[in-house]
């Protein structure tokens, strides 16, 4: 079954879902948990902050998955209409694993290119500081203090949950909505730009954009989210291991 072609949503619906998922839901989850844990537990402030971060990220990813599903369901559709279909599982899975490795190499190459380009306009110390700050964002998520259970949870979130939720939204939902407005090529470019912008990187903007292009192209060609989900998961796993080791 191919992704639904009907006009079940608009760009404004997409923007609304994005704001709710990335701003409203995480903020409410963080504040609610902060009040709850602060009132009923004897946890340290550091531990409460780490738990709040984990819950806020979980709420964000849940919203990115559930809200598009809700929009499609409200007009009689299902997850199949935004790419959650089984077509050729073995081939799609192998393609996803291979694409994940390719995406990682593309990311490494793009990082070097971006550093070189920014080095033309900024001094090397500033560029390396920006790069380090962006890498620390990922490292801080994975290295959650001295709590092994929380660290394991965050790894599972980054490697398993994030690929499913982000691919459901950015590939399954966003590309379907954009395709109705601009066609496949422009929707792929616009969707990848949105994917890169949402991550909020500067040095890593190019690599996130190109990875988004590869994942989006894989979805358009194979017409299933299995391939980009596996690719995203493999890439996150390898990148997380590299960041943790470094």
C-alpha atoms as a PDB file:
ATOM      1  CA  UNK A   1       0.000   0.000   0.000  1.00  0.00           C
ATOM      2  CA  UNK A   2       1.366   3.366  -0.990  1.00  0.00           C
ATOM      3  CA  UNK A   3       1.245   6.506   1.193  1.00  0.00           C
ATOM      4  CA  UNK A   4      -2.096   8.283   1.033  1.00  0.00           C
ATOM      5  CA  UNK A   5      -2.430  10.959  -1.625  1.00  0.00           C
ATOM      6  CA  UNK A   6      -5.534  12.678  -0.244  1.00  0.00           C
ATOM      7  CA  UNK A   7      -5.461  16.225   1.225  1.00  0.00           C
ATOM      8  CA  UNK A   8      -5.818  15.216   4.888  1.00  0.00           C
ATOM      9  CA  UNK A   9      -3.734  18.082   6.222  1.00  0.00           C
ATOM     10  CA  UNK A  10      -2.260  21.489   5.429  1.00  0.00           C
ATOM     11  CA  UNK A  11       1.032  23.280   5.987  1.00  0.00           C
ATOM     12  CA  UNK A  12      -0.559  25.220   8.839  1.00  0.00           C
ATOM     13  CA  UNK A  13      -1.554  21.947  10.512  1.00  0.00           C
ATOM     14  CA  UNK A  14       2.054  20.849  10.148  1.00  0.00           C
ATOM     15  CA  UNK A  15       3.397  24.043  11.737  1.00  0.00           C
ATOM     16  CA  UNK A  16       0.896  23.732  14.577  1.00  0.00           C
ATOM     17  CA  UNK A  17       1.942  20.144  15.287  1.00  0.00           C
ATOM     18  CA  UNK A  18       5.607  21.182  15.213  1.00  0.00           C
ATOM     19  CA  UNK A  19       5.103  24.016  17.717  1.00  0.00           C
ATOM     20  CA  UNK A  20       3.022  21.861  20.040  1.00  0.00           C
ATOM     21  CA  UNK A  21       5.478  18.961  19.859  1.00  0.00           C
ATOM     22  CA  UNK A  22       8.731  20.904  20.202  1.00  0.00           C
ATOM     23  CA  UNK A  23       7.669  23.736  22.512  1.00  0.00           C
ATOM     24  CA  UNK A  24       4.356  23.304  24.311  1.00  0.00           C
ATOM     25  CA  UNK A  25       4.394  19.601  25.212  1.00  0.00           C
ATOM     26  CA  UNK A  26       8.041  19.409  26.418  1.00  0.00           C
ATOM     27  CA  UNK A  27       7.649  22.622  28.446  1.00  0.00           C
ATOM     28  CA  UNK A  28       4.482  21.391  30.150  1.00  0.00           C
ATOM     29  CA  UNK A  29       6.027  17.981  30.814  1.00  0.00           C
ATOM     30  CA  UNK A  30       9.193  19.521  32.243  1.00  0.00           C
ATOM     31  CA  UNK A  31       7.371  21.956  34.511  1.00  0.00           C
ATOM     32  CA  UNK A  32       4.872  19.357  35.713  1.00  0.00           C
ATOM     33  CA  UNK A  33       7.553  16.814  36.544  1.00  0.00           C
ATOM     34  CA  UNK A  34       9.718  19.443  38.200  1.00  0.00           C
ATOM     35  CA  UNK A  35       6.844  20.371  40.506  1.00  0.00           C
ATOM     36  CA  UNK A  36       5.949  16.738  41.196  1.00  0.00           C
ATOM     37  CA  UNK A  37       9.440  15.444  41.935  1.00  0.00           C
ATOM     38  CA  UNK A  38      10.348  18.549  43.892  1.00  0.00           C
ATOM     39  CA  UNK A  39       7.318  18.091  46.136  1.00  0.00           C
ATOM     40  CA  UNK A  40       7.228  14.334  46.784  1.00  0.00           C
ATOM     41  CA  UNK A  41      10.833  13.107  46.549  1.00  0.00           C
ATOM     42  CA  UNK A  42      14.150  13.679  48.215  1.00  0.00           C
ATOM     43  CA  UNK A  43      16.104  13.543  44.943  1.00  0.00           C
ATOM     44  CA  UNK A  44      18.920  16.005  44.420  1.00  0.00           C
ATOM     45  CA  UNK A  45      18.341  18.968  42.130  1.00  0.00           C
ATOM     46  CA  UNK A  46      20.749  17.446  39.590  1.00  0.00           C
ATOM     47  CA  UNK A  47      18.892  14.140  39.509  1.00  0.00           C
ATOM     48  CA  UNK A  48      15.505  15.853  39.223  1.00  0.00           C
ATOM     49  CA  UNK A  49      16.801  17.920  36.282  1.00  0.00           C
ATOM     50  CA  UNK A  50      18.053  14.813  34.480  1.00  0.00           C
ATOM     51  CA  UNK A  51      14.767  12.964  35.001  1.00  0.00           C
ATOM     52  CA  UNK A  52      12.833  16.024  33.845  1.00  0.00           C
ATOM     53  CA  UNK A  53      14.962  16.174  30.678  1.00  0.00           C
ATOM     54  CA  UNK A  54      14.285  12.516  29.939  1.00  0.00           C
ATOM     55  CA  UNK A  55      10.537  12.939  30.452  1.00  0.00           C
ATOM     56  CA  UNK A  56      10.410  16.144  28.387  1.00  0.00           C
ATOM     57  CA  UNK A  57      12.248  14.460  25.506  1.00  0.00           C
ATOM     58  CA  UNK A  58       9.947  11.454  25.744  1.00  0.00           C
ATOM     59  CA  UNK A  59       6.878  13.712  25.641  1.00  0.00           C
ATOM     60  CA  UNK A  60       8.281  15.549  22.620  1.00  0.00           C
ATOM     61  CA  UNK A  61       8.896  12.347  20.676  1.00  0.00           C
ATOM     62  CA  UNK A  62       5.486  10.977  21.640  1.00  0.00           C
ATOM     63  CA  UNK A  63       3.835  14.149  20.339  1.00  0.00           C
ATOM     64  CA  UNK A  64       5.767  13.985  17.046  1.00  0.00           C
ATOM     65  CA  UNK A  65       4.392  10.484  16.540  1.00  0.00           C
ATOM     66  CA  UNK A  66       0.869  10.755  17.939  1.00  0.00           C
ATOM     67  CA  UNK A  67      -0.244  14.148  16.608  1.00  0.00           C
ATOM     68  CA  UNK A  68       0.299  13.353  12.887  1.00  0.00           C
ATOM     69  CA  UNK A  69      -1.377  10.001  13.468  1.00  0.00           C
ATOM     70  CA  UNK A  70      -4.303  11.806  15.099  1.00  0.00           C
ATOM     71  CA  UNK A  71      -4.673  14.184  12.157  1.00  0.00           C
ATOM     72  CA  UNK A  72      -4.690  11.320   9.661  1.00  0.00           C
ATOM     73  CA  UNK A  73      -7.005   9.218  11.828  1.00  0.00           C
ATOM     74  CA  UNK A  74      -9.468  12.135  12.130  1.00  0.00           C
ATOM     75  CA  UNK A  75     -10.184  11.879   8.398  1.00  0.00           C
ATOM     76  CA  UNK A  76     -10.454   8.107   8.334  1.00  0.00           C
ATOM     77  CA  UNK A  77      -6.805   7.289   7.622  1.00  0.00           C
ATOM     78  CA  UNK A  78      -4.246   5.222   9.513  1.00  0.00           C
ATOM     79  CA  UNK A  79      -0.508   4.942  10.049  1.00  0.00           C
ATOM     80  CA  UNK A  80      -0.321   3.118   6.722  1.00  0.00           C
ATOM     81  CA  UNK A  81      -1.160   6.398   5.040  1.00  0.00           C
ATOM     82  CA  UNK A  82       2.037   7.991   6.378  1.00  0.00           C
ATOM     83  CA  UNK A  83       4.421   5.199   5.554  1.00  0.00           C
ATOM     84  CA  UNK A  84       3.986   2.540   8.241  1.00  0.00           C
ATOM     85  CA  UNK A  85       3.588  -0.315   5.784  1.00  0.00           C
ATOM     86  CA  UNK A  86       5.371  -3.617   5.138  1.00  0.00           C
ATOM     87  CA  UNK A  87       6.348  -3.952   1.497  1.00  0.00           C
ATOM     88  CA  UNK A  88       9.559  -5.965   1.155  1.00  0.00           C
ATOM     89  CA  UNK A  89      10.709  -6.176   4.803  1.00  0.00           C
ATOM     90  CA  UNK A  90      14.028  -7.924   4.283  1.00  0.00           C
ATOM     91  CA  UNK A  91      15.113  -5.744   1.364  1.00  0.00           C
ATOM     92  CA  UNK A  92      13.856  -2.591   3.071  1.00  0.00           C
ATOM     93  CA  UNK A  93      15.687  -3.495   6.286  1.00  0.00           C
ATOM     94  CA  UNK A  94      18.972  -4.215   4.508  1.00  0.00           C
ATOM     95  CA  UNK A  95      18.617  -0.970   2.570  1.00  0.00           C
ATOM     96  CA  UNK A  96      18.056   0.858   5.851  1.00  0.00           C
ATOM     97  CA  UNK A  97      21.159  -0.605   7.487  1.00  0.00           C
ATOM     98  CA  UNK A  98      23.291   0.276   4.477  1.00  0.00           C
ATOM     99  CA  UNK A  99      21.810   3.762   4.262  1.00  0.00           C
ATOM    100  CA  UNK A 100      22.504   4.353   7.955  1.00  0.00           C
ATOM    101  CA  UNK A 101      26.210   3.658   7.421  1.00  0.00           C
ATOM    102  CA  UNK A 102      26.217   5.899   4.342  1.00  0.00           C
ATOM    103  CA  UNK A 103      24.517   8.688   6.313  1.00  0.00           C
ATOM    104  CA  UNK A 104      27.191   8.468   8.998  1.00  0.00           C
ATOM    105  CA  UNK A 105      29.991   8.864   6.455  1.00  0.00           C
ATOM    106  CA  UNK A 106      28.118  11.729   4.797  1.00  0.00           C
ATOM    107  CA  UNK A 107      27.828  13.386   8.210  1.00  0.00           C
ATOM    108  CA  UNK A 108      31.552  13.091   8.863  1.00  0.00           C
ATOM    109  CA  UNK A 109      32.446  14.519   5.452  1.00  0.00           C
ATOM    110  CA  UNK A 110      29.935  17.368   5.785  1.00  0.00           C
ATOM    111  CA  UNK A 111      31.297  18.253   9.212  1.00  0.00           C
ATOM    112  CA  UNK A 112      34.760  18.744   7.735  1.00  0.00           C
ATOM    113  CA  UNK A 113      33.340  20.786   4.856  1.00  0.00           C
ATOM    114  CA  UNK A 114      31.320  22.986   7.220  1.00  0.00           C
ATOM    115  CA  UNK A 115      34.311  23.595   9.478  1.00  0.00           C
ATOM    116  CA  UNK A 116      36.391  24.593   6.447  1.00  0.00           C
ATOM    117  CA  UNK A 117      33.682  26.928   5.109  1.00  0.00           C
ATOM    118  CA  UNK A 118      33.051  28.630   8.452  1.00  0.00           C
ATOM    119  CA  UNK A 119      36.814  28.927   8.832  1.00  0.00           C
ATOM    120  CA  UNK A 120      36.815  31.282   5.867  1.00  0.00           C
ATOM    121  CA  UNK A 121      34.746  33.809   7.824  1.00  0.00           C
ATOM    122  CA  UNK A 122      35.599  33.079  11.466  1.00  0.00           C
ATOM    123  CA  UNK A 123      38.814  32.337  13.298  1.00  0.00           C
ATOM    124  CA  UNK A 124      39.590  28.676  13.913  1.00  0.00           C
ATOM    125  CA  UNK A 125      39.132  28.901  17.697  1.00  0.00           C
ATOM    126  CA  UNK A 126      35.587  30.227  17.303  1.00  0.00           C
ATOM    127  CA  UNK A 127      34.642  27.547  14.791  1.00  0.00           C
ATOM    128  CA  UNK A 128      36.005  24.742  16.973  1.00  0.00           C
ATOM    129  CA  UNK A 129      34.197  26.150  19.989  1.00  0.00           C
ATOM    130  CA  UNK A 130      30.912  26.161  18.067  1.00  0.00           C
ATOM    131  CA  UNK A 131      31.556  22.595  16.922  1.00  0.00           C
ATOM    132  CA  UNK A 132      32.366  21.491  20.460  1.00  0.00           C
ATOM    133  CA  UNK A 133      29.218  23.097  21.867  1.00  0.00           C
ATOM    134  CA  UNK A 134      27.030  21.318  19.313  1.00  0.00           C
ATOM    135  CA  UNK A 135      28.685  17.969  20.011  1.00  0.00           C
ATOM    136  CA  UNK A 136      28.235  18.507  23.743  1.00  0.00           C
ATOM    137  CA  UNK A 137      24.471  18.789  23.259  1.00  0.00           C
ATOM    138  CA  UNK A 138      24.382  15.139  22.207  1.00  0.00           C
ATOM    139  CA  UNK A 139      26.952  14.053  24.775  1.00  0.00           C
ATOM    140  CA  UNK A 140      25.006  15.689  27.616  1.00  0.00           C
ATOM    141  CA  UNK A 141      21.862  13.792  26.641  1.00  0.00           C
ATOM    142  CA  UNK A 142      23.636  10.427  26.653  1.00  0.00           C
ATOM    143  CA  UNK A 143      25.911  10.960  29.640  1.00  0.00           C
ATOM    144  CA  UNK A 144      23.225  11.496  32.241  1.00  0.00           C
ATOM    145  CA  UNK A 145      25.337  11.569  35.380  1.00  0.00           C
ATOM    146  CA  UNK A 146      25.921   8.466  37.487  1.00  0.00           C
ATOM    147  CA  UNK A 147      22.532   6.824  37.050  1.00  0.00           C
ATOM    148  CA  UNK A 148      22.924   3.721  34.825  1.00  0.00           C
ATOM    149  CA  UNK A 149      19.159   3.169  34.479  1.00  0.00           C
ATOM    150  CA  UNK A 150      18.635   6.718  33.259  1.00  0.00           C
ATOM    151  CA  UNK A 151      21.588   6.476  30.879  1.00  0.00           C
ATOM    152  CA  UNK A 152      20.176   3.239  29.427  1.00  0.00           C
ATOM    153  CA  UNK A 153      16.780   4.892  29.032  1.00  0.00           C
ATOM    154  CA  UNK A 154      18.260   7.856  27.143  1.00  0.00           C
ATOM    155  CA  UNK A 155      20.211   5.544  24.843  1.00  0.00           C
ATOM    156  CA  UNK A 156      17.020   3.631  24.070  1.00  0.00           C
ATOM    157  CA  UNK A 157      15.237   6.916  23.447  1.00  0.00           C
ATOM    158  CA  UNK A 158      17.903   8.193  21.031  1.00  0.00           C
ATOM    159  CA  UNK A 159      18.492   4.925  19.178  1.00  0.00           C
ATOM    160  CA  UNK A 160      14.971   3.426  19.088  1.00  0.00           C
ATOM    161  CA  UNK A 161      12.263   5.988  19.840  1.00  0.00           C
ATOM    162  CA  UNK A 162      13.649   9.092  18.131  1.00  0.00           C
ATOM    163  CA  UNK A 163      14.066   7.412  14.702  1.00  0.00           C
ATOM    164  CA  UNK A 164      10.474   6.145  14.770  1.00  0.00           C
ATOM    165  CA  UNK A 165       8.899   9.421  15.870  1.00  0.00           C
ATOM    166  CA  UNK A 166      11.021  11.744  13.717  1.00  0.00           C
ATOM    167  CA  UNK A 167      10.686   9.625  10.591  1.00  0.00           C
ATOM    168  CA  UNK A 168       6.931   9.381  11.126  1.00  0.00           C
ATOM    169  CA  UNK A 169       6.694  13.160  11.294  1.00  0.00           C
ATOM    170  CA  UNK A 170       9.415  14.454   8.951  1.00  0.00           C
ATOM    171  CA  UNK A 171       9.234  11.784   6.266  1.00  0.00           C
ATOM    172  CA  UNK A 172       5.820  10.164   6.547  1.00  0.00           C
ATOM    173  CA  UNK A 173       3.786  13.251   7.419  1.00  0.00           C
ATOM    174  CA  UNK A 174       5.762  16.313   6.287  1.00  0.00           C
ATOM    175  CA  UNK A 175       6.674  14.935   2.872  1.00  0.00           C
ATOM    176  CA  UNK A 176       3.061  13.887   2.272  1.00  0.00           C
ATOM    177  CA  UNK A 177       1.789  17.374   3.099  1.00  0.00           C
ATOM    178  CA  UNK A 178       4.530  19.164   1.162  1.00  0.00           C
ATOM    179  CA  UNK A 179       4.098  16.859  -1.824  1.00  0.00           C
ATOM    180  CA  UNK A 180       0.518  18.056  -2.222  1.00  0.00           C
ATOM    181  CA  UNK A 181       1.800  21.644  -2.366  1.00  0.00           C
ATOM    182  CA  UNK A 182       5.019  21.446  -4.391  1.00  0.00           C
ATOM    183  CA  UNK A 183       5.647  17.978  -5.824  1.00  0.00           C
ATOM    184  CA  UNK A 184       8.233  15.368  -4.868  1.00  0.00           C
ATOM    185  CA  UNK A 185      11.487  17.190  -5.580  1.00  0.00           C
ATOM    186  CA  UNK A 186      10.647  20.504  -3.942  1.00  0.00           C
ATOM    187  CA  UNK A 187       8.925  18.765  -1.039  1.00  0.00           C
ATOM    188  CA  UNK A 188      12.074  16.707  -0.457  1.00  0.00           C
ATOM    189  CA  UNK A 189      14.232  19.849  -0.339  1.00  0.00           C
ATOM    190  CA  UNK A 190      11.784  21.815   1.820  1.00  0.00           C
ATOM    191  CA  UNK A 191      11.248  18.893   4.181  1.00  0.00           C
ATOM    192  CA  UNK A 192      14.996  18.440   4.602  1.00  0.00           C
ATOM    193  CA  UNK A 193      15.479  22.151   5.276  1.00  0.00           C
ATOM    194  CA  UNK A 194      12.785  21.974   7.943  1.00  0.00           C
ATOM    195  CA  UNK A 195      14.430  18.869   9.425  1.00  0.00           C
ATOM    196  CA  UNK A 196      17.788  20.658   9.626  1.00  0.00           C
ATOM    197  CA  UNK A 197      16.321  23.914  10.963  1.00  0.00           C
ATOM    198  CA  UNK A 198      14.426  22.164  13.754  1.00  0.00           C
ATOM    199  CA  UNK A 199      17.633  20.596  15.058  1.00  0.00           C
ATOM    200  CA  UNK A 200      19.012  24.092  15.630  1.00  0.00           C
ATOM    201  CA  UNK A 201      22.591  23.425  14.534  1.00  0.00           C
ATOM    202  CA  UNK A 202      24.904  25.838  12.750  1.00  0.00           C
ATOM    203  CA  UNK A 203      28.065  23.866  11.993  1.00  0.00           C
ATOM    204  CA  UNK A 204      26.058  20.672  11.555  1.00  0.00           C
ATOM    205  CA  UNK A 205      23.268  22.233   9.515  1.00  0.00           C
ATOM    206  CA  UNK A 206      24.628  20.950   6.189  1.00  0.00           C
ATOM    207  CA  UNK A 207      25.020  17.374   7.360  1.00  0.00           C
ATOM    208  CA  UNK A 208      21.542  17.232   8.925  1.00  0.00           C
ATOM    209  CA  UNK A 209      20.088  18.669   5.713  1.00  0.00           C
ATOM    210  CA  UNK A 210      21.831  16.126   3.476  1.00  0.00           C
ATOM    211  CA  UNK A 211      20.949  13.259   5.808  1.00  0.00           C
ATOM    212  CA  UNK A 212      17.345  14.438   5.642  1.00  0.00           C
ATOM    213  CA  UNK A 213      17.566  14.396   1.847  1.00  0.00           C
ATOM    214  CA  UNK A 214      18.878  10.821   1.860  1.00  0.00           C
ATOM    215  CA  UNK A 215      16.244   9.607   4.308  1.00  0.00           C
ATOM    216  CA  UNK A 216      13.484  11.391   2.410  1.00  0.00           C
ATOM    217  CA  UNK A 217      14.639  10.016  -0.925  1.00  0.00           C
ATOM    218  CA  UNK A 218      14.717   6.505   0.542  1.00  0.00           C
ATOM    219  CA  UNK A 219      11.134   6.923   1.719  1.00  0.00           C
ATOM    220  CA  UNK A 220       9.985   8.234  -1.641  1.00  0.00           C
ATOM    221  CA  UNK A 221      11.644   5.381  -3.502  1.00  0.00           C
ATOM    222  CA  UNK A 222      10.742   2.473  -1.200  1.00  0.00           C
ATOM    223  CA  UNK A 223       7.384   3.903  -0.039  1.00  0.00           C
ATOM    224  CA  UNK A 224       7.837   2.591   3.480  1.00  0.00           C
ATOM    225  CA  UNK A 225       9.243   4.166   6.632  1.00  0.00           C
ATOM    226  CA  UNK A 226      11.049   0.952   7.579  1.00  0.00           C
ATOM    227  CA  UNK A 227      14.116   1.924   5.552  1.00  0.00           C
ATOM    228  CA  UNK A 228      14.596   5.498   6.878  1.00  0.00           C
ATOM    229  CA  UNK A 229      13.714   4.421  10.441  1.00  0.00           C
ATOM    230  CA  UNK A 230      16.421   1.739  10.439  1.00  0.00           C
ATOM    231  CA  UNK A 231      18.892   4.085   8.749  1.00  0.00           C
ATOM    232  CA  UNK A 232      18.177   6.812  11.319  1.00  0.00           C
ATOM    233  CA  UNK A 233      18.549   4.323  14.166  1.00  0.00           C
ATOM    234  CA  UNK A 234      21.836   2.889  12.878  1.00  0.00           C
ATOM    235  CA  UNK A 235      23.242   6.384  12.346  1.00  0.00           C
ATOM    236  CA  UNK A 236      22.167   7.540  15.823  1.00  0.00           C
ATOM    237  CA  UNK A 237      23.680   4.420  17.393  1.00  0.00           C
ATOM    238  CA  UNK A 238      27.038   4.803  15.670  1.00  0.00           C
ATOM    239  CA  UNK A 239      27.144   8.541  16.318  1.00  0.00           C
ATOM    240  CA  UNK A 240      26.220   8.043  19.984  1.00  0.00           C
ATOM    241  CA  UNK A 241      28.967   5.453  20.439  1.00  0.00           C
ATOM    242  CA  UNK A 242      31.495   7.793  18.814  1.00  0.00           C
ATOM    243  CA  UNK A 243      30.443  10.760  20.951  1.00  0.00           C
ATOM    244  CA  UNK A 244      30.474   8.716  24.154  1.00  0.00           C
ATOM    245  CA  UNK A 245      33.932   7.324  23.461  1.00  0.00           C
ATOM    246  CA  UNK A 246      35.342  10.749  22.636  1.00  0.00           C
END
